[in-house]
Every structure is written in C-alpha cells, then in structure tokens.
Amino acid sequence: MNAEYLWRSIVESVARSNLIFRKKVQIMTDSRVSIATSTIVCVEAEIKGEVIIKEGCVVHPHVVFDATNGPIYVGENNIFEEFAVIRNNSEGQPMIIGDSNIFQVHSKCSAKYVGSRNVIGVHAHLEDGCSVSDDCSIGPKCRVFSKQNLEPSVAVYGPSNSHRITSTPNLTPTLQLEFLRKILPSYHHLYNKKKVTAAQ
C-alpha cells in the first residue's frame, strides 16, 4: 500500500465523517468554524478559516488554529494547552488530527496528519508536511522535521532529536479532561457561549 493511496483513504474517510458530524455540531458565527457542544474553547483562543473540532476537546486560552491555507479537522478528546499553535501551511490540503492527543504549552504543529494518543511536548515543533502516527511522544523543544513520517510508539527526545521505540502505548487523558472540563468554565468565558449570546 503506497503512501499516496493511504493518504487519499484517510482524507476520504475524514470527509465522510465530517458530513455526519456537521449535523450534530453547533455552528458558530463564522460558518466555517464548527465546534461540538461538549467541547470547551476559551474565548481567548483564535480560530481562523475552516476548523472543525469534534466532541470532548479542551482548548485553553491563547491557542491559535490557523486554517487560512487549508482546513483543520480535529478529532475527539484532544487537549490544546496555552499558546499552542495549530497552523495548516499546505495549499488547500486538510490537516487531520486524531483523538486523545495533548498539545502542551507553546507547542507548534504544521503537520499534515497527527494520529491518536500522542503527546506533543512544551515548545515542541511538528514541521510542515510531516506526519505522526499513534502513541508517539515528542519531548520538550524537540522537532519532527518537514516531510518526516513517525511510525507508531516513537519517542523523540534530547537536544539532537533522538528516536526510540516505546514499549507501552500512551494513556488517554481521561482524568485530565474531566478536571479541565470542570475547572475552566469557572475561570474563563467560553467561545461557543460568547458567540451564541452575541447572536441573540
């Protein structure tokens, strides 16, 4: 199975999923932004272009989703911490992010594909056009270079971006998500609630 066929299959699968998902989400003032009702997005986050965020995600203040060059499709139960930047730099091609990933503080992602249960560390950088499979860990200040494809369960660590295979899969951030869903609405205005109020 070649990479082009695999990529086309992923894009077609996501497109089918998004047709179903759009019927369930709450459409924001910008019709290109779709955020599931169970997702928490703080008002300080910046969202530009066609962005779809599915159920159960948490988006902290000052996160940037920049989809001006191509759409960004985000799966379920992801965490985006403060100042994370998710930017699609491709020309019209979608960026696809799977489920249960954690993008830590000041991380940057311009990857074309991020699978599920990955941890992107503080100040880590996924460069243009790379792809990350499932259960990977990108250490603080580490990089996945442009056009690089990480296999499942790879850890990137250290100042020279060393690689090794990990023996156990990453855990889904269930407890962290539950805590954030309870605490963030107490201290921050939420994106969808603000937009709904403004539209009334």
C-alpha atoms as a PDB file:
ATOM      1  CA  MET A   1       0.000   0.000   0.000  1.00  0.00           C
ATOM      2  CA  ASN A   2       1.713   3.220  -1.095  1.00  0.00           C
ATOM      3  CA  ALA A   3       1.677   6.470   0.872  1.00  0.00           C
ATOM      4  CA  GLU A   4      -0.453   8.369  -1.664  1.00  0.00           C
ATOM      5  CA  TYR A   5      -3.220   5.747  -1.570  1.00  0.00           C
ATOM      6  CA  LEU A   6      -3.137   5.685   2.250  1.00  0.00           C
ATOM      7  CA  TRP A   7      -3.334   9.488   2.436  1.00  0.00           C
ATOM      8  CA  ARG A   8      -6.267   9.581  -0.034  1.00  0.00           C
ATOM      9  CA  SER A   9      -8.104   6.930   2.028  1.00  0.00           C
ATOM     10  CA  ILE A  10      -7.599   8.938   5.225  1.00  0.00           C
ATOM     11  CA  VAL A  11      -8.874  12.153   3.626  1.00  0.00           C
ATOM     12  CA  GLU A  12     -11.948  10.420   2.152  1.00  0.00           C
ATOM     13  CA  SER A  13     -12.733   8.771   5.481  1.00  0.00           C
ATOM     14  CA  VAL A  14     -12.477  12.077   7.339  1.00  0.00           C
ATOM     15  CA  ALA A  15     -14.651  13.807   4.729  1.00  0.00           C
ATOM     16  CA  ARG A  16     -17.396  11.185   5.214  1.00  0.00           C
ATOM     17  CA  SER A  17     -17.118  11.507   8.978  1.00  0.00           C
ATOM     18  CA  ASN A  18     -17.353  15.300   8.810  1.00  0.00           C
ATOM     19  CA  LEU A  19     -20.582  15.204   6.776  1.00  0.00           C
ATOM     20  CA  ILE A  20     -22.198  13.296   9.641  1.00  0.00           C
ATOM     21  CA  PHE A  21     -20.504  15.431  12.277  1.00  0.00           C
ATOM     22  CA  ARG A  22     -21.669  18.759  10.819  1.00  0.00           C
ATOM     23  CA  LYS A  23     -25.272  17.748  11.506  1.00  0.00           C
ATOM     24  CA  LYS A  24     -24.506  17.357  15.205  1.00  0.00           C
ATOM     25  CA  VAL A  25     -22.333  20.368  15.952  1.00  0.00           C
ATOM     26  CA  GLN A  26     -23.208  23.863  16.962  1.00  0.00           C
ATOM     27  CA  ILE A  27     -22.274  26.155  14.066  1.00  0.00           C
ATOM     28  CA  MET A  28     -20.557  29.348  15.163  1.00  0.00           C
ATOM     29  CA  THR A  29     -20.966  32.870  13.773  1.00  0.00           C
ATOM     30  CA  ASP A  30     -18.251  32.092  11.195  1.00  0.00           C
ATOM     31  CA  SER A  31     -19.962  29.293   9.284  1.00  0.00           C
ATOM     32  CA  ARG A  32     -16.578  27.692   8.556  1.00  0.00           C
ATOM     33  CA  VAL A  33     -15.990  27.034  12.276  1.00  0.00           C
ATOM     34  CA  SER A  34     -17.787  24.026  13.761  1.00  0.00           C
ATOM     35  CA  ILE A  35     -17.361  23.211  17.433  1.00  0.00           C
ATOM     36  CA  ALA A  36     -19.112  20.310  19.135  1.00  0.00           C
ATOM     37  CA  THR A  37     -21.340  21.281  22.034  1.00  0.00           C
ATOM     38  CA  SER A  38     -19.327  19.189  24.526  1.00  0.00           C
ATOM     39  CA  THR A  39     -16.047  20.866  23.509  1.00  0.00           C
ATOM     40  CA  ILE A  40     -14.687  23.696  25.650  1.00  0.00           C
ATOM     41  CA  VAL A  41     -12.950  26.562  23.847  1.00  0.00           C
ATOM     42  CA  CYS A  42     -11.856  29.622  25.834  1.00  0.00           C
ATOM     43  CA  VAL A  43     -12.672  32.986  24.225  1.00  0.00           C
ATOM     44  CA  GLU A  44      -9.011  33.979  24.186  1.00  0.00           C
ATOM     45  CA  ALA A  45      -8.342  31.274  21.593  1.00  0.00           C
ATOM     46  CA  GLU A  46      -8.003  32.462  17.989  1.00  0.00           C
ATOM     47  CA  ILE A  47      -9.673  30.434  15.236  1.00  0.00           C
ATOM     48  CA  LYS A  48      -9.296  31.394  11.563  1.00  0.00           C
ATOM     49  CA  GLY A  49     -10.569  29.573   8.482  1.00  0.00           C
ATOM     50  CA  GLU A  50     -12.366  26.240   8.216  1.00  0.00           C
ATOM     51  CA  VAL A  51     -11.883  24.456  11.537  1.00  0.00           C
ATOM     52  CA  ILE A  52     -13.910  21.500  12.797  1.00  0.00           C
ATOM     53  CA  ILE A  53     -13.418  20.414  16.418  1.00  0.00           C
ATOM     54  CA  LYS A  54     -15.277  17.305  17.486  1.00  0.00           C
ATOM     55  CA  GLU A  55     -16.635  16.153  20.839  1.00  0.00           C
ATOM     56  CA  GLY A  56     -14.901  16.448  24.194  1.00  0.00           C
ATOM     57  CA  CYS A  57     -11.876  18.607  23.323  1.00  0.00           C
ATOM     58  CA  VAL A  58     -10.461  21.310  25.593  1.00  0.00           C
ATOM     59  CA  VAL A  59      -8.864  24.434  24.104  1.00  0.00           C
ATOM     60  CA  HIS A  60      -7.049  26.690  26.574  1.00  0.00           C
ATOM     61  CA  PRO A  61      -6.624  30.478  26.289  1.00  0.00           C
ATOM     62  CA  HIS A  62      -4.327  31.879  23.575  1.00  0.00           C
ATOM     63  CA  VAL A  63      -4.365  28.746  21.422  1.00  0.00           C
ATOM     64  CA  VAL A  64      -4.259  29.527  17.688  1.00  0.00           C
ATOM     65  CA  PHE A  65      -5.963  27.494  14.967  1.00  0.00           C
ATOM     66  CA  ASP A  66      -4.912  28.992  11.633  1.00  0.00           C
ATOM     67  CA  ALA A  67      -6.684  27.319   8.726  1.00  0.00           C
ATOM     68  CA  THR A  68      -6.346  30.158   6.221  1.00  0.00           C
ATOM     69  CA  ASN A  69      -4.317  27.971   3.820  1.00  0.00           C
ATOM     70  CA  GLY A  70      -6.360  24.780   4.270  1.00  0.00           C
ATOM     71  CA  PRO A  71      -8.921  23.223   6.630  1.00  0.00           C
ATOM     72  CA  ILE A  72      -8.110  21.748  10.039  1.00  0.00           C
ATOM     73  CA  TYR A  73     -10.105  18.722  11.223  1.00  0.00           C
ATOM     74  CA  VAL A  74      -9.717  17.854  14.914  1.00  0.00           C
ATOM     75  CA  GLY A  75     -10.982  14.584  16.396  1.00  0.00           C
ATOM     76  CA  GLU A  76     -12.332  13.888  19.875  1.00  0.00           C
ATOM     77  CA  ASN A  77     -10.939  14.441  23.393  1.00  0.00           C
ATOM     78  CA  ASN A  78      -7.836  16.434  22.470  1.00  0.00           C
ATOM     79  CA  ILE A  79      -6.196  18.944  24.808  1.00  0.00           C
ATOM     80  CA  PHE A  80      -4.617  22.136  23.460  1.00  0.00           C
ATOM     81  CA  GLU A  81      -2.724  23.989  26.178  1.00  0.00           C
ATOM     82  CA  GLU A  82      -1.886  27.706  26.351  1.00  0.00           C
ATOM     83  CA  PHE A  83      -0.148  29.263  23.330  1.00  0.00           C
ATOM     84  CA  ALA A  84      -0.212  26.072  21.267  1.00  0.00           C
ATOM     85  CA  VAL A  85      -0.275  26.972  17.559  1.00  0.00           C
ATOM     86  CA  ILE A  86      -2.004  24.670  15.079  1.00  0.00           C
ATOM     87  CA  ARG A  87      -1.360  26.023  11.583  1.00  0.00           C
ATOM     88  CA  ASN A  88      -2.113  24.378   8.249  1.00  0.00           C
ATOM     89  CA  ASN A  89       0.541  25.668   5.835  1.00  0.00           C
ATOM     90  CA  SER A  90      -0.461  23.421   2.935  1.00  0.00           C
ATOM     91  CA  GLU A  91      -2.288  24.844  -0.041  1.00  0.00           C
ATOM     92  CA  GLY A  92      -5.829  23.528   0.262  1.00  0.00           C
ATOM     93  CA  GLN A  93      -4.926  20.122   1.740  1.00  0.00           C
ATOM     94  CA  PRO A  94      -6.579  19.329   5.086  1.00  0.00           C
ATOM     95  CA  MET A  95      -4.684  18.940   8.322  1.00  0.00           C
ATOM     96  CA  ILE A  96      -6.074  15.966  10.243  1.00  0.00           C
ATOM     97  CA  ILE A  97      -5.674  15.488  13.996  1.00  0.00           C
ATOM     98  CA  GLY A  98      -6.968  12.270  15.567  1.00  0.00           C
ATOM     99  CA  ASP A  99      -8.245  11.616  19.098  1.00  0.00           C
ATOM    100  CA  SER A 100      -6.879  11.987  22.646  1.00  0.00           C
ATOM    101  CA  ASN A 101      -3.754  13.991  21.810  1.00  0.00           C
ATOM    102  CA  ILE A 102      -2.130  16.528  24.132  1.00  0.00           C
ATOM    103  CA  PHE A 103      -0.507  19.635  22.641  1.00  0.00           C
ATOM    104  CA  GLN A 104       1.412  21.173  25.519  1.00  0.00           C
ATOM    105  CA  VAL A 105       2.249  24.819  26.199  1.00  0.00           C
ATOM    106  CA  HIS A 106       3.857  26.705  23.265  1.00  0.00           C
ATOM    107  CA  SER A 107       3.925  23.626  21.032  1.00  0.00           C
ATOM    108  CA  LYS A 108       3.602  24.204  17.278  1.00  0.00           C
ATOM    109  CA  CYS A 109       2.003  21.900  14.750  1.00  0.00           C
ATOM    110  CA  SER A 110       2.077  22.254  10.970  1.00  0.00           C
ATOM    111  CA  ALA A 111       1.889  18.503  10.337  1.00  0.00           C
ATOM    112  CA  LYS A 112      -0.420  17.172   7.650  1.00  0.00           C
ATOM    113  CA  TYR A 113      -1.515  14.307   9.920  1.00  0.00           C
ATOM    114  CA  VAL A 114      -1.383  13.579  13.654  1.00  0.00           C
ATOM    115  CA  GLY A 115      -2.836  10.265  14.804  1.00  0.00           C
ATOM    116  CA  SER A 116      -4.190   9.470  18.275  1.00  0.00           C
ATOM    117  CA  ARG A 117      -2.841   9.425  21.858  1.00  0.00           C
ATOM    118  CA  ASN A 118       0.248  11.489  21.058  1.00  0.00           C
ATOM    119  CA  VAL A 119       1.929  13.908  23.467  1.00  0.00           C
ATOM    120  CA  ILE A 120       3.497  16.972  21.862  1.00  0.00           C
ATOM    121  CA  GLY A 121       5.787  18.488  24.489  1.00  0.00           C
ATOM    122  CA  VAL A 122       6.420  22.056  25.617  1.00  0.00           C
ATOM    123  CA  HIS A 123       7.923  24.121  22.765  1.00  0.00           C
ATOM    124  CA  ALA A 124       7.981  21.020  20.524  1.00  0.00           C
ATOM    125  CA  HIS A 125       7.510  21.616  16.808  1.00  0.00           C
ATOM    126  CA  LEU A 126       5.877  19.421  14.159  1.00  0.00           C
ATOM    127  CA  GLU A 127       7.133  20.980  10.943  1.00  0.00           C
ATOM    128  CA  ASP A 128       5.328  21.469   7.612  1.00  0.00           C
ATOM    129  CA  GLY A 129       4.119  18.313   5.916  1.00  0.00           C
ATOM    130  CA  CYS A 130       5.322  15.784   8.493  1.00  0.00           C
ATOM    131  CA  SER A 131       3.055  13.062   9.881  1.00  0.00           C
ATOM    132  CA  VAL A 132       2.891  11.469  13.314  1.00  0.00           C
ATOM    133  CA  SER A 133       1.263   8.074  13.836  1.00  0.00           C
ATOM    134  CA  ASP A 134      -0.273   6.871  17.145  1.00  0.00           C
ATOM    135  CA  ASP A 135       1.174   6.732  20.686  1.00  0.00           C
ATOM    136  CA  CYS A 136       4.180   8.947  19.946  1.00  0.00           C
ATOM    137  CA  SER A 137       5.841  11.309  22.429  1.00  0.00           C
ATOM    138  CA  ILE A 138       7.654  14.415  21.239  1.00  0.00           C
ATOM    139  CA  GLY A 139       9.844  15.769  24.033  1.00  0.00           C
ATOM    140  CA  PRO A 140      10.170  19.419  25.077  1.00  0.00           C
ATOM    141  CA  LYS A 141      11.835  21.582  22.390  1.00  0.00           C
ATOM    142  CA  CYS A 142      12.124  18.571  20.056  1.00  0.00           C
ATOM    143  CA  ARG A 143      11.217  18.596  16.365  1.00  0.00           C
ATOM    144  CA  VAL A 144       9.669  16.313  13.820  1.00  0.00           C
ATOM    145  CA  PHE A 145      11.197  17.642  10.628  1.00  0.00           C
ATOM    146  CA  SER A 146       9.415  18.572   7.426  1.00  0.00           C
ATOM    147  CA  LYS A 147       8.241  15.559   5.373  1.00  0.00           C
ATOM    148  CA  GLN A 148       9.292  13.154   8.161  1.00  0.00           C
ATOM    149  CA  ASN A 149       6.848  10.320   8.996  1.00  0.00           C
ATOM    150  CA  LEU A 150       6.907   8.879  12.517  1.00  0.00           C
ATOM    151  CA  GLU A 151       5.921   5.246  12.993  1.00  0.00           C
ATOM    152  CA  PRO A 152       3.676   4.264  15.962  1.00  0.00           C
ATOM    153  CA  SER A 153       5.083   4.419  19.511  1.00  0.00           C
ATOM    154  CA  VAL A 154       8.152   6.525  18.703  1.00  0.00           C
ATOM    155  CA  ALA A 155       9.625   8.839  21.335  1.00  0.00           C
ATOM    156  CA  VAL A 156      11.619  11.857  20.149  1.00  0.00           C
ATOM    157  CA  TYR A 157      13.891  13.219  22.879  1.00  0.00           C
ATOM    158  CA  GLY A 158      17.012  15.184  23.686  1.00  0.00           C
ATOM    159  CA  PRO A 159      18.830  18.082  22.007  1.00  0.00           C
ATOM    160  CA  SER A 160      19.653  16.002  18.910  1.00  0.00           C
ATOM    161  CA  ASN A 161      16.048  14.760  18.419  1.00  0.00           C
ATOM    162  CA  SER A 162      16.981  11.133  19.087  1.00  0.00           C
ATOM    163  CA  HIS A 163      14.385   8.426  18.375  1.00  0.00           C
ATOM    164  CA  ARG A 164      13.484   5.230  20.169  1.00  0.00           C
ATOM    165  CA  ILE A 165      10.522   2.834  20.179  1.00  0.00           C
ATOM    166  CA  THR A 166       8.497   2.801  23.394  1.00  0.00           C
ATOM    167  CA  SER A 167       7.193  -0.437  24.836  1.00  0.00           C
ATOM    168  CA  THR A 168       3.806   0.747  26.114  1.00  0.00           C
ATOM    169  CA  PRO A 169       1.113   2.854  24.399  1.00  0.00           C
ATOM    170  CA  ASN A 170       0.263   6.292  25.749  1.00  0.00           C
ATOM    171  CA  LEU A 171      -2.743   6.574  28.038  1.00  0.00           C
ATOM    172  CA  THR A 172      -5.801   8.552  27.015  1.00  0.00           C
ATOM    173  CA  PRO A 173      -6.022  11.768  29.097  1.00  0.00           C
ATOM    174  CA  THR A 174      -9.417  10.922  30.608  1.00  0.00           C
ATOM    175  CA  LEU A 175      -8.848  12.273  34.130  1.00  0.00           C
ATOM    176  CA  GLN A 176      -7.128  15.412  32.874  1.00  0.00           C
ATOM    177  CA  LEU A 177     -10.024  16.108  30.505  1.00  0.00           C
ATOM    178  CA  GLU A 178     -12.604  15.620  33.257  1.00  0.00           C
ATOM    179  CA  PHE A 179     -10.742  18.039  35.532  1.00  0.00           C
ATOM    180  CA  LEU A 180     -10.338  20.687  32.828  1.00  0.00           C
ATOM    181  CA  ARG A 181     -13.993  20.473  31.774  1.00  0.00           C
ATOM    182  CA  LYS A 182     -14.997  21.242  35.366  1.00  0.00           C
ATOM    183  CA  ILE A 183     -12.440  23.939  36.197  1.00  0.00           C
ATOM    184  CA  LEU A 184     -12.048  26.019  33.006  1.00  0.00           C
ATOM    185  CA  PRO A 185     -15.674  27.243  32.788  1.00  0.00           C
ATOM    186  CA  SER A 186     -15.309  28.613  36.338  1.00  0.00           C
ATOM    187  CA  TYR A 187     -12.445  30.926  35.356  1.00  0.00           C
ATOM    188  CA  HIS A 188     -12.880  31.634  31.629  1.00  0.00           C
ATOM    189  CA  HIS A 189     -15.604  32.703  29.242  1.00  0.00           C
ATOM    190  CA  LEU A 190     -16.191  30.046  26.626  1.00  0.00           C
ATOM    191  CA  TYR A 191     -16.060  30.600  22.868  1.00  0.00           C
ATOM    192  CA  ASN A 192     -19.364  28.993  21.976  1.00  0.00           C
ATOM    193  CA  LYS A 193     -21.305  30.640  24.800  1.00  0.00           C
ATOM    194  CA  LYS A 194     -19.954  34.055  23.845  1.00  0.00           C
ATOM    195  CA  LYS A 195     -20.859  33.569  20.189  1.00  0.00           C
ATOM    196  CA  VAL A 196     -24.378  32.347  20.995  1.00  0.00           C
ATOM    197  CA  THR A 197     -25.006  35.337  23.274  1.00  0.00           C
ATOM    198  CA  ALA A 198     -23.703  37.785  20.657  1.00  0.00           C
ATOM    199  CA  ALA A 199     -26.008  36.293  18.030  1.00  0.00           C
ATOM    200  CA  GLN A 200     -29.132  36.738  20.131  1.00  0.00           C
END
